[in-house]
Amino acid sequence: MDLHPFQRHLDRVATLGPHRPWAPADGPMPSLYLSHGAPPTFEDGAWMRQLHDWARDLPRPTAILIVSAHWESAPLALSSSRANTDLVYDFGGFNPMYYRMRYDTPDAGGLARQVSALMPQSVHEHNNRGLDHGAWVPLKIMYPEADVPVLQLSIPTHDAATLMSLGERLRPLREQGVLVIGSGFMTHGLQFLTRAMLAGHVPGWSSDFDHWAAEALARGDVDELAAFRDRAPGMPYAHPTVEHFTPLFVTLGAATDPTGPVRTAIDGYAMGFAKRSFQTT
């Protein structure tokens, strides 16, 4: 019987040896924007390898703070910091195995206190809310050992300037070895998904938006990115709703220089959607 692709991924990871932990001499961790996928990501060996290789290229963080497209909540809120909190299975129609998956990470109380201290007002922690799939799906692939504390922060608005300011408040965490992640999908016109896309076709609205974003990121043109609703080709098909793009502004805000160069870690397409993912410095 053939092994499930995720099991093959775990078998490969097991051969790699320990992941070197972050140390102060490494300097600040980068901030990341990643295209997170859904349960089918666990069936895509190449994509899993890209995500895990990216994680291994970085030191193992002291903790992870992630903003996901799938938790829009104002005022700002945190997921449960308790160890082994149940996950949120916010998807439907997939193999039952995905609803049994767990991601039992250590207590993140220390990170919760750090985040709260950086905010101008108190941040409510939802004691029973675990990680949603925009957080646990990519992290289970990138850090399958589940040995890093993880906390999720809600996305309180889709205003680019406000999210940049939020990212800037989070910037000091990077100096403590914390990995700050904005999790979305570079294009996400899910309602326009076709059989041709499932077969590998990339529609023009997806590739055009992806190329536009790549060029703006290369220039460090935050103003252009912030005007994506009006300026980006492929709109509104690439983002009929904007929650999968706007986590990018938290990532850029957390960067040492939001207008500086980014390094593309993953590009290409899955089901016609752009997987573009990058890290800042």
Protein backbone atom coordinates (compact mmCIF):
# COMPACT_ATOMS: atom_id res chain seq x y z
CA MET A 1 0.00 0.00 0.00
CA ASP A 2 1.38 3.40 -0.99
CA LEU A 3 2.22 5.79 1.81
CA HIS A 4 0.28 9.02 2.05
CA PRO A 5 2.38 11.94 0.70
CA PHE A 6 2.45 13.56 4.14
CA GLN A 7 3.86 10.39 5.67
CA ARG A 8 6.56 10.37 3.00
CA HIS A 9 7.25 13.99 3.95
CA LEU A 10 7.62 13.02 7.61
CA ASP A 11 9.90 10.12 6.69
CA ARG A 12 12.14 12.51 4.75
CA VAL A 13 12.19 15.04 7.59
CA ALA A 14 13.24 12.31 10.02
CA THR A 15 16.48 11.80 8.07
CA LEU A 16 17.60 15.42 8.37
CA GLY A 17 18.72 15.53 11.97
CA PRO A 18 18.22 18.31 14.54
CA HIS A 19 17.15 21.78 13.44
CA ARG A 20 19.62 24.37 14.74
CA PRO A 21 17.89 26.73 17.18
CA TRP A 22 18.02 30.50 16.88
CA ALA A 23 20.69 32.30 18.89
CA PRO A 24 21.13 36.05 19.47
CA ALA A 25 24.21 35.99 17.24
CA ASP A 26 21.90 35.15 14.31
CA GLY A 27 20.28 38.59 14.55
CA PRO A 28 16.54 39.16 14.15
CA MET A 29 14.45 36.44 12.54
CA PRO A 30 12.87 37.51 9.24
CA SER A 31 9.15 38.08 8.86
CA LEU A 32 7.35 35.83 6.36
CA TYR A 33 4.37 35.98 4.05
CA LEU A 34 3.27 32.53 2.99
CA SER A 35 0.57 31.12 0.78
CA HIS A 36 -0.88 28.47 3.06
CA GLY A 37 -3.07 26.18 1.00
CA ALA A 38 -5.57 23.79 2.62
CA PRO A 39 -5.67 20.00 3.25
CA PRO A 40 -4.64 19.25 -0.38
CA THR A 41 -1.25 20.76 0.51
CA PHE A 42 -0.63 17.54 2.49
CA GLU A 43 -0.94 15.68 -0.82
CA ASP A 44 1.50 17.88 -2.75
CA GLY A 45 4.99 16.52 -2.13
CA ALA A 46 6.79 19.29 -4.01
CA TRP A 47 5.00 22.07 -2.13
CA MET A 48 5.63 20.41 1.23
CA ARG A 49 9.31 20.14 0.39
CA GLN A 50 9.41 23.84 -0.53
CA LEU A 51 7.80 24.85 2.75
CA HIS A 52 9.97 22.62 4.90
CA ASP A 53 13.20 23.50 3.11
CA TRP A 54 12.37 27.16 3.68
CA ALA A 55 11.91 26.54 7.39
CA ARG A 56 15.19 24.60 7.57
CA ASP A 57 17.06 27.43 5.85
CA LEU A 58 16.22 29.54 8.91
CA PRO A 59 17.20 28.84 12.50
CA ARG A 60 14.46 27.15 14.51
CA PRO A 61 12.57 30.07 16.07
CA THR A 62 11.99 30.53 19.77
CA ALA A 63 8.27 30.97 19.04
CA ILE A 64 5.92 31.74 16.14
CA LEU A 65 3.30 34.47 15.92
CA ILE A 66 1.03 34.04 12.92
CA VAL A 67 -1.74 36.18 11.41
CA SER A 68 -4.08 34.12 9.23
CA ALA A 69 -6.60 35.12 6.59
CA HIS A 70 -9.12 32.92 8.40
CA TRP A 71 -9.46 34.86 11.63
CA GLU A 72 -10.89 38.32 11.02
CA SER A 73 -11.67 39.80 14.41
CA ALA A 74 -11.67 43.28 15.87
CA PRO A 75 -10.63 44.32 18.40
CA LEU A 76 -7.34 42.50 18.20
CA ALA A 77 -7.36 39.05 19.84
CA LEU A 78 -5.06 36.11 20.52
CA SER A 79 -5.67 32.39 20.25
CA SER A 80 -5.24 30.21 23.30
CA SER A 81 -1.69 30.12 24.58
CA ARG A 82 -2.22 26.80 26.36
CA ALA A 83 -0.32 23.76 25.16
CA ASN A 84 -2.13 21.19 23.03
CA THR A 85 -5.19 23.35 22.29
CA ASP A 86 -7.65 21.73 19.86
CA LEU A 87 -7.35 22.91 16.27
CA VAL A 88 -10.01 24.69 14.22
CA TYR A 89 -11.06 22.53 11.24
CA ASP A 90 -12.47 25.38 9.18
CA PHE A 91 -12.91 23.51 5.90
CA GLY A 92 -15.30 20.96 4.47
CA GLY A 93 -15.51 18.03 2.09
CA PHE A 94 -12.06 16.54 2.63
CA ASN A 95 -10.77 13.13 3.71
CA PRO A 96 -11.77 12.39 7.35
CA MET A 97 -8.08 12.01 8.23
CA TYR A 98 -7.65 15.78 8.06
CA TYR A 99 -10.26 16.30 10.79
CA ARG A 100 -8.29 14.01 13.08
CA MET A 101 -4.96 15.78 12.62
CA ARG A 102 -3.49 17.55 15.62
CA TYR A 103 -0.69 20.03 16.12
CA ASP A 104 0.16 19.87 19.81
CA THR A 105 2.58 22.73 20.35
CA PRO A 106 4.07 23.87 23.71
CA ASP A 107 2.63 26.53 25.98
CA ALA A 108 2.89 30.00 24.41
CA GLY A 109 2.09 32.04 27.51
CA GLY A 110 5.40 33.86 27.37
CA LEU A 111 4.77 34.97 23.81
CA ALA A 112 1.23 36.07 24.71
CA ARG A 113 2.63 38.32 27.41
CA GLN A 114 5.23 39.74 25.01
CA VAL A 115 2.60 40.53 22.38
CA SER A 116 0.27 42.14 24.90
CA ALA A 117 3.10 44.33 26.20
CA LEU A 118 3.70 45.68 22.69
CA MET A 119 0.09 46.74 22.12
CA PRO A 120 -1.37 50.12 23.17
CA GLN A 121 -4.35 48.42 24.81
CA SER A 122 -5.10 45.04 26.32
CA VAL A 123 -5.50 42.10 23.94
CA HIS A 124 -8.09 39.46 24.75
CA GLU A 125 -6.96 35.83 24.70
CA HIS A 126 -9.58 33.30 23.59
CA ASN A 127 -8.82 30.43 25.93
CA ASN A 128 -10.53 27.78 23.80
CA ARG A 129 -9.64 28.97 20.30
CA GLY A 130 -6.93 26.94 18.63
CA LEU A 131 -5.11 27.51 15.36
CA ASP A 132 -7.15 27.63 12.16
CA HIS A 133 -6.04 25.94 8.94
CA GLY A 134 -4.29 29.07 7.69
CA ALA A 135 -1.90 28.55 10.59
CA TRP A 136 -1.68 24.85 11.37
CA VAL A 137 -1.62 23.46 7.82
CA PRO A 138 1.62 25.21 6.76
CA LEU A 139 3.22 24.99 10.22
CA LYS A 140 2.57 21.26 10.53
CA ILE A 141 4.54 20.89 7.29
CA MET A 142 7.27 23.40 8.12
CA TYR A 143 7.76 22.39 11.78
CA PRO A 144 6.27 18.89 12.03
CA GLU A 145 7.99 18.20 15.35
CA ALA A 146 5.55 20.71 16.94
CA ASP A 147 8.30 21.77 19.34
CA VAL A 148 7.92 25.55 18.84
CA PRO A 149 5.29 27.57 20.77
CA VAL A 150 2.72 29.03 18.35
CA LEU A 151 0.22 31.82 18.89
CA GLN A 152 -2.28 33.23 16.41
CA LEU A 153 -3.20 36.91 16.22
CA SER A 154 -6.46 37.99 14.63
CA ILE A 155 -6.50 40.31 11.64
CA PRO A 156 -8.53 43.29 12.87
CA THR A 157 -8.87 45.26 9.64
CA HIS A 158 -7.93 45.17 5.95
CA ASP A 159 -6.59 48.72 5.92
CA ALA A 160 -3.00 48.48 4.73
CA ALA A 161 -1.66 51.38 6.82
CA THR A 162 -3.19 50.01 10.02
CA LEU A 163 -1.79 46.55 9.36
CA MET A 164 1.64 48.00 8.61
CA SER A 165 1.51 49.77 11.99
CA LEU A 166 0.51 46.52 13.66
CA GLY A 167 3.46 44.76 12.07
CA GLU A 168 5.77 47.54 13.23
CA ARG A 169 4.63 47.00 16.82
CA LEU A 170 5.50 43.32 16.44
CA ARG A 171 8.96 44.04 15.05
CA PRO A 172 10.80 43.76 18.41
CA LEU A 173 9.70 40.13 18.71
CA ARG A 174 12.02 39.23 15.85
CA GLU A 175 15.00 40.30 17.97
CA GLN A 176 14.01 37.59 20.46
CA GLY A 177 14.02 34.88 17.81
CA VAL A 178 10.25 34.97 17.21
CA LEU A 179 9.09 34.23 13.66
CA VAL A 180 6.32 36.64 12.59
CA ILE A 181 4.17 35.26 9.76
CA GLY A 182 1.37 36.66 7.63
CA SER A 183 -0.50 33.70 6.16
CA GLY A 184 -2.73 34.12 3.11
CA PHE A 185 -2.55 33.20 -0.59
CA MET A 186 -1.10 35.44 -3.28
CA THR A 187 -4.16 34.84 -5.43
CA HIS A 188 -7.35 33.33 -4.07
CA GLY A 189 -10.22 33.55 -6.55
CA LEU A 190 -11.70 30.37 -5.17
CA GLN A 191 -15.17 31.06 -6.55
CA PHE A 192 -13.67 31.16 -10.04
CA LEU A 193 -11.97 27.77 -9.77
CA THR A 194 -12.49 25.67 -12.91
CA ARG A 195 -11.77 22.12 -13.98
CA ALA A 196 -9.07 23.49 -16.25
CA MET A 197 -7.35 25.08 -13.24
CA LEU A 198 -7.52 21.81 -11.34
CA ALA A 199 -5.80 20.24 -14.34
CA GLY A 200 -2.97 22.79 -14.23
CA HIS A 201 -4.22 25.80 -16.22
CA VAL A 202 -3.22 29.18 -14.78
CA PRO A 203 -5.76 31.89 -15.65
CA GLY A 204 -4.51 35.28 -16.75
CA TRP A 205 -6.05 37.05 -13.77
CA SER A 206 -3.92 34.92 -11.43
CA SER A 207 -0.62 35.21 -13.28
CA ASP A 208 -1.10 38.94 -13.99
CA PHE A 209 -1.76 39.71 -10.33
CA ASP A 210 1.18 37.58 -9.24
CA HIS A 211 3.59 39.30 -11.64
CA TRP A 212 2.35 42.73 -10.54
CA ALA A 213 2.86 41.87 -6.87
CA ALA A 214 6.32 40.42 -7.53
CA GLU A 215 7.43 43.59 -9.32
CA ALA A 216 6.03 45.88 -6.61
CA LEU A 217 7.74 43.81 -3.89
CA ALA A 218 11.03 43.94 -5.80
CA ARG A 219 10.79 47.74 -5.90
CA GLY A 220 9.71 47.99 -2.27
CA ASP A 221 6.67 49.91 -3.50
CA VAL A 222 4.37 49.66 -0.48
CA ASP A 223 2.07 52.38 -1.82
CA GLU A 224 1.45 50.38 -4.99
CA LEU A 225 0.74 47.24 -3.01
CA ALA A 226 -1.64 49.14 -0.71
CA ALA A 227 -3.60 50.29 -3.77
CA PHE A 228 -4.09 46.73 -5.03
CA ARG A 229 -7.88 47.01 -5.21
CA ASP A 230 -7.59 49.70 -7.90
CA ARG A 231 -4.20 49.11 -9.50
CA ALA A 232 -3.56 45.39 -9.59
CA PRO A 233 -4.38 43.56 -12.81
CA GLY A 234 -6.63 40.58 -12.34
CA MET A 235 -8.83 42.24 -9.73
CA PRO A 236 -11.35 41.39 -8.47
CA TYR A 237 -10.92 37.81 -9.73
CA ALA A 238 -7.60 37.34 -7.94
CA HIS A 239 -9.17 38.49 -4.65
CA PRO A 240 -12.98 38.69 -4.65
CA THR A 241 -12.48 39.19 -0.91
CA VAL A 242 -9.19 40.56 0.30
CA GLU A 243 -8.34 38.64 3.49
CA HIS A 244 -5.79 36.38 1.77
CA PHE A 245 -3.73 39.31 0.50
CA THR A 246 -3.79 41.76 3.41
CA PRO A 247 -1.71 39.65 5.88
CA LEU A 248 1.16 40.70 3.61
CA PHE A 249 1.04 44.17 5.20
CA VAL A 250 1.65 42.75 8.69
CA THR A 251 4.69 40.97 7.24
CA LEU A 252 6.03 44.13 5.64
CA GLY A 253 5.32 46.22 8.72
CA ALA A 254 7.34 43.80 10.86
CA ALA A 255 10.34 44.08 8.51
CA THR A 256 13.36 46.13 9.55
CA ASP A 257 12.83 48.13 6.36
CA PRO A 258 9.33 47.67 4.88
CA THR A 259 10.53 49.13 1.58
CA GLY A 260 13.62 46.92 1.43
CA PRO A 261 14.18 43.87 -0.73
CA VAL A 262 12.34 40.64 -0.09
CA ARG A 263 13.49 37.14 -0.92
CA THR A 264 11.03 34.94 -2.74
CA ALA A 265 11.09 31.50 -1.15
CA ILE A 266 8.27 29.86 -3.15
CA ASP A 267 6.64 30.75 -6.44
CA GLY A 268 4.60 28.89 -9.03
CA TYR A 269 0.96 27.87 -8.88
CA ALA A 270 -1.36 25.34 -7.24
CA MET A 271 -4.78 24.78 -8.83
CA GLY A 272 -4.12 27.98 -10.79
CA PHE A 273 -3.54 30.11 -7.69
CA ALA A 274 -0.20 31.86 -7.08
CA LYS A 275 1.82 30.29 -4.25
CA ARG A 276 4.21 33.22 -4.01
CA SER A 277 5.74 33.35 -0.54
CA PHE A 278 8.61 35.52 0.67
CA GLN A 279 10.68 36.67 3.61
CA THR A 280 11.84 40.12 4.63
CA THR A 281 14.95 41.16 6.53
